[in-house]
C-alpha atoms as a PDB file:
ATOM      1  CA  MET A   1       9.091  -4.662   5.317  1.00  0.00           C
ATOM      2  CA  ALA A   2       9.777  -3.759   8.942  1.00  0.00           C
ATOM      3  CA  PHE A   3      11.626  -1.266  11.073  1.00  0.00           C
ATOM      4  CA  ARG A   4      14.177  -1.986  13.798  1.00  0.00           C
ATOM      5  CA  ILE A   5      14.982  -0.202  17.020  1.00  0.00           C
ATOM      6  CA  VAL A   6      18.733   0.033  17.593  1.00  0.00           C
ATOM      7  CA  ALA A   7      21.011   0.403  20.616  1.00  0.00           C
ATOM      8  CA  ASN A   8      20.675   4.158  21.120  1.00  0.00           C
ATOM      9  CA  CYS A   9      17.001   3.707  22.084  1.00  0.00           C
ATOM     10  CA  THR A  10      16.501   5.050  25.615  1.00  0.00           C
ATOM     11  CA  ASN A  11      13.342   3.028  26.375  1.00  0.00           C
ATOM     12  CA  CYS A  12      11.359   6.238  26.854  1.00  0.00           C
ATOM     13  CA  TRP A  13       8.063   4.445  26.063  1.00  0.00           C
ATOM     14  CA  ALA A  14       6.881   7.160  23.643  1.00  0.00           C
ATOM     15  CA  CYS A  15       6.480   4.787  20.679  1.00  0.00           C
ATOM     16  CA  LEU A  16       4.865   1.845  22.434  1.00  0.00           C
ATOM     17  CA  PRO A  17       1.245   3.104  22.626  1.00  0.00           C
ATOM     18  CA  LEU A  18       1.312   4.596  19.103  1.00  0.00           C
ATOM     19  CA  CYS A  19       1.990   1.431  17.123  1.00  0.00           C
ATOM     20  CA  PRO A  20      -1.305   0.464  15.439  1.00  0.00           C
ATOM     21  CA  HIS A  21      -0.283  -3.203  15.237  1.00  0.00           C
ATOM     22  CA  GLU A  22       1.314  -3.523  18.684  1.00  0.00           C
ATOM     23  CA  ALA A  23       4.596  -4.500  17.028  1.00  0.00           C
ATOM     24  CA  ILE A  24       6.769  -2.720  19.603  1.00  0.00           C
ATOM     25  CA  ARG A  25       7.629  -4.462  22.836  1.00  0.00           C
ATOM     26  CA  ALA A  26       9.712  -3.620  25.867  1.00  0.00           C
ATOM     27  CA  ALA A  27      12.934  -5.592  25.922  1.00  0.00           C
ATOM     28  CA  THR A  28      16.425  -5.411  27.362  1.00  0.00           C
ATOM     29  CA  PRO A  29      18.609  -3.500  26.658  1.00  0.00           C
ATOM     30  CA  HIS A  30      16.235  -1.514  24.379  1.00  0.00           C
ATOM     31  CA  PHE A  31      12.792  -1.838  22.850  1.00  0.00           C
ATOM     32  CA  GLU A  32      12.279  -4.185  19.896  1.00  0.00           C
ATOM     33  CA  ILE A  33       9.981  -4.287  16.878  1.00  0.00           C
ATOM     34  CA  ASP A  34       8.334  -7.584  15.982  1.00  0.00           C
ATOM     35  CA  THR A  35       9.076  -7.782  12.259  1.00  0.00           C
ATOM     36  CA  ALA A  36       6.117 -10.074  11.659  1.00  0.00           C
ATOM     37  CA  ARG A  37       3.722  -7.421  12.973  1.00  0.00           C
ATOM     38  CA  CYS A  38       5.376  -4.220  11.694  1.00  0.00           C
ATOM     39  CA  THR A  39       3.762  -2.820   8.540  1.00  0.00           C
ATOM     40  CA  GLU A  40       5.671   0.488   8.686  1.00  0.00           C
ATOM     41  CA  CYS A  41       2.166   1.934   9.184  1.00  0.00           C
ATOM     42  CA  ALA A  42       1.456   1.479   5.462  1.00  0.00           C
ATOM     43  CA  GLY A  43      -2.258   1.854   4.880  1.00  0.00           C
ATOM     44  CA  ASP A  44      -2.841   3.176   8.403  1.00  0.00           C
ATOM     45  CA  TYR A  45      -0.918   6.459   8.558  1.00  0.00           C
ATOM     46  CA  ALA A  46       1.008   8.711   6.183  1.00  0.00           C
ATOM     47  CA  ASP A  47       4.084   8.534   8.436  1.00  0.00           C
ATOM     48  CA  PRO A  48       5.406   5.732  10.654  1.00  0.00           C
ATOM     49  CA  GLN A  49       4.008   6.461  14.094  1.00  0.00           C
ATOM     50  CA  CYS A  50       7.027   5.184  16.022  1.00  0.00           C
ATOM     51  CA  ALA A  51       9.393   7.502  14.145  1.00  0.00           C
ATOM     52  CA  SER A  52       7.013  10.450  14.335  1.00  0.00           C
ATOM     53  CA  ILE A  53       7.142  10.412  18.150  1.00  0.00           C
ATOM     54  CA  CYS A  54      10.677   9.102  18.782  1.00  0.00           C
ATOM     55  CA  PRO A  55      12.784  11.772  20.534  1.00  0.00           C
ATOM     56  CA  VAL A  56      16.087   9.976  19.832  1.00  0.00           C
ATOM     57  CA  GLU A  57      17.771  10.600  16.497  1.00  0.00           C
ATOM     58  CA  GLY A  58      18.824   7.378  14.783  1.00  0.00           C
ATOM     59  CA  ALA A  59      17.005   5.026  17.179  1.00  0.00           C
ATOM     60  CA  ILE A  60      14.635   3.578  14.561  1.00  0.00           C
ATOM     61  CA  VAL A  61      15.940   2.348  11.219  1.00  0.00           C
ATOM     62  CA  ASP A  62      14.337   0.926   8.093  1.00  0.00           C
ATOM     63  CA  SER A  63      15.129  -2.413   6.483  1.00  0.00           C
ATOM     64  CA  THR A  64      18.204  -0.926   4.767  1.00  0.00           C
ATOM     65  CA  GLY A  65      19.592   0.468   8.022  1.00  0.00           C
ATOM     66  CA  GLN A  66      18.746   4.098   7.254  1.00  0.00           C
ATOM     67  CA  ALA A  67      17.652   6.094  10.296  1.00  0.00           C
ATOM     68  CA  LEU A  68      14.097   7.395  10.110  1.00  0.00           C
ATOM     69  CA  ASN A  69      15.165  10.363  12.270  1.00  0.00           C
ATOM     70  CA  PRO A  70      18.786  10.804  11.163  1.00  0.00           C
ATOM     71  CA  PRO A  71      21.265  12.870  13.184  1.00  0.00           C
ATOM     72  CA  GLY A  72      20.323  16.542  12.980  1.00  0.00           C
ATOM     73  CA  SER A  73      16.730  15.927  11.891  1.00  0.00           C
ATOM     74  CA  LEU A  74      15.209  16.702  15.287  1.00  0.00           C
ATOM     75  CA  THR A  75      17.640  19.379  16.447  1.00  0.00           C
ATOM     76  CA  GLY A  76      18.157  21.160  13.138  1.00  0.00           C
ATOM     77  CA  LEU A  77      21.930  20.857  13.609  1.00  0.00           C
ATOM     78  CA  SER A  78      24.025  19.491  10.782  1.00  0.00           C
ATOM     79  CA  PRO A  79      25.688  16.108  11.468  1.00  0.00           C
ATOM     80  CA  GLU A  80      29.099  17.757  10.984  1.00  0.00           C
ATOM     81  CA  PHE A  81      28.366  20.102  13.888  1.00  0.00           C
ATOM     82  CA  LEU A  82      27.492  17.151  16.115  1.00  0.00           C
ATOM     83  CA  THR A  83      30.847  15.431  15.522  1.00  0.00           C
ATOM     84  CA  LEU A  84      33.456  16.161  18.177  1.00  0.00           C
ATOM     85  CA  PRO A  85      36.788  17.363  16.840  1.00  0.00           C
ATOM     86  CA  SER A  86      39.640  14.899  17.165  1.00  0.00           C
ATOM     87  CA  THR A  87      42.416  15.713  19.584  1.00  0.00           C
ATOM     88  CA  PRO A  88      46.028  15.654  18.458  1.00  0.00           C
END
């Protein structure tokens, strides 16, 4: 049970101080979550603290690869609207 931070993380530092188990660390090219320390905030908070503050949709994923803040969740825009039309 652990989350991962993926490539679209912007290293904004918002999540780092919120992690109750100090599982998040600065790394290159983006932040990382120490899977041995991450509890997904179970027993500490109702919601994962890293995802609750993350301003980047899709930057934090669960163990199955599902984004905790999927595209459209923070902006209210549907994912279809965010997709650029293809050019002929």
